[in-house]
Protein backbone atom coordinates (compact mmCIF):
# COMPACT_ATOMS: atom_id res chain seq x y z
CA MET A 1 75.27 172.87 -66.07
CA LYS A 2 74.38 175.80 -63.86
CA ASN A 3 72.24 178.61 -65.25
CA ASN A 4 73.88 181.93 -64.31
CA LYS A 5 71.03 184.14 -65.54
CA ARG A 6 69.57 186.26 -62.76
CA LYS A 7 65.85 186.09 -62.25
CA PRO A 8 64.15 189.46 -61.82
CA ASN A 9 62.84 190.46 -58.43
CA MET A 10 59.19 191.34 -58.13
CA LEU A 11 57.69 193.69 -55.59
CA TRP A 12 53.93 193.95 -55.17
CA ILE A 13 52.77 197.08 -53.39
CA MET A 14 49.16 196.87 -52.28
CA SER A 15 47.24 199.44 -50.31
CA ASP A 16 43.64 199.32 -49.19
CA GLN A 17 41.14 201.58 -50.90
CA GLN A 18 43.65 203.27 -53.20
CA PRO A 19 42.92 202.86 -56.91
CA GLY A 20 45.86 202.83 -59.29
CA TYR A 21 44.96 206.20 -60.75
CA MET A 22 45.57 207.79 -57.33
CA LEU A 23 49.33 208.07 -57.90
CA SER A 24 51.09 211.14 -59.23
CA CYS A 25 53.00 208.96 -61.72
CA ASN A 26 49.61 207.96 -63.18
CA GLY A 27 48.47 211.55 -63.54
CA ASP A 28 46.72 212.40 -60.25
CA ILE A 29 47.35 216.09 -59.57
CA ASN A 30 45.95 215.93 -56.01
CA LEU A 31 48.50 213.49 -54.59
CA ASN A 32 52.27 213.63 -54.31
CA THR A 33 53.79 210.12 -54.27
CA PRO A 34 57.50 210.65 -55.05
CA ASN A 35 58.75 207.29 -53.73
CA LEU A 36 56.16 205.29 -55.66
CA ASP A 37 56.88 207.44 -58.71
CA THR A 38 60.58 206.51 -58.48
CA LEU A 39 59.71 202.81 -58.22
CA SER A 40 57.44 203.18 -61.22
CA ALA A 41 60.17 204.90 -63.25
CA TYR A 42 62.67 202.07 -62.65
CA GLY A 43 60.21 199.18 -62.90
CA LEU A 44 56.90 198.26 -64.46
CA ASN A 45 53.65 200.08 -63.83
CA PHE A 46 50.65 197.98 -64.82
CA GLN A 47 48.17 200.76 -65.52
CA ARG A 48 45.51 198.49 -67.02
CA ALA A 49 45.62 195.70 -64.43
CA VAL A 50 42.27 194.50 -63.12
CA GLY A 51 41.58 192.80 -59.81
CA GLY A 52 39.48 189.65 -59.77
CA PHE A 53 37.35 190.82 -56.84
CA PRO A 54 36.46 194.31 -55.56
CA LEU A 55 37.41 193.59 -51.93
CA CYS A 56 41.01 193.36 -50.79
CA CYS A 57 41.00 190.05 -48.82
CA PRO A 58 39.54 187.77 -51.53
CA PHE A 59 41.68 189.46 -54.18
CA ARG A 60 44.89 189.10 -52.19
CA GLY A 61 44.09 185.48 -51.45
CA SER A 62 43.49 184.73 -55.12
CA MET A 63 46.66 186.57 -56.13
CA LEU A 64 48.80 184.64 -53.64
CA THR A 65 47.25 181.22 -54.33
CA SER A 66 46.34 181.56 -58.04
CA VAL A 67 42.84 180.33 -57.17
CA TYR A 68 39.91 182.43 -58.36
CA TYR A 69 37.46 183.47 -55.64
CA ASN A 70 34.17 181.58 -55.82
CA GLU A 71 31.19 182.59 -53.71
CA ALA A 72 29.49 179.18 -53.96
């Protein structure tokens, strides 16, 4: 029997050196991000998400592979 339920699409938007609070949809009055605000209004905005590593490359690698970065 075929399952006809549609799975939701997921879009990850990642930028270097831009914290999540630096979006106008998250309350920053110094930036105007209308396109990201529209995406946030129609989707999910994880305002309390935390990265597993403070640098972009190890964090992106762990996010894509589900393996936690280990400096050993």
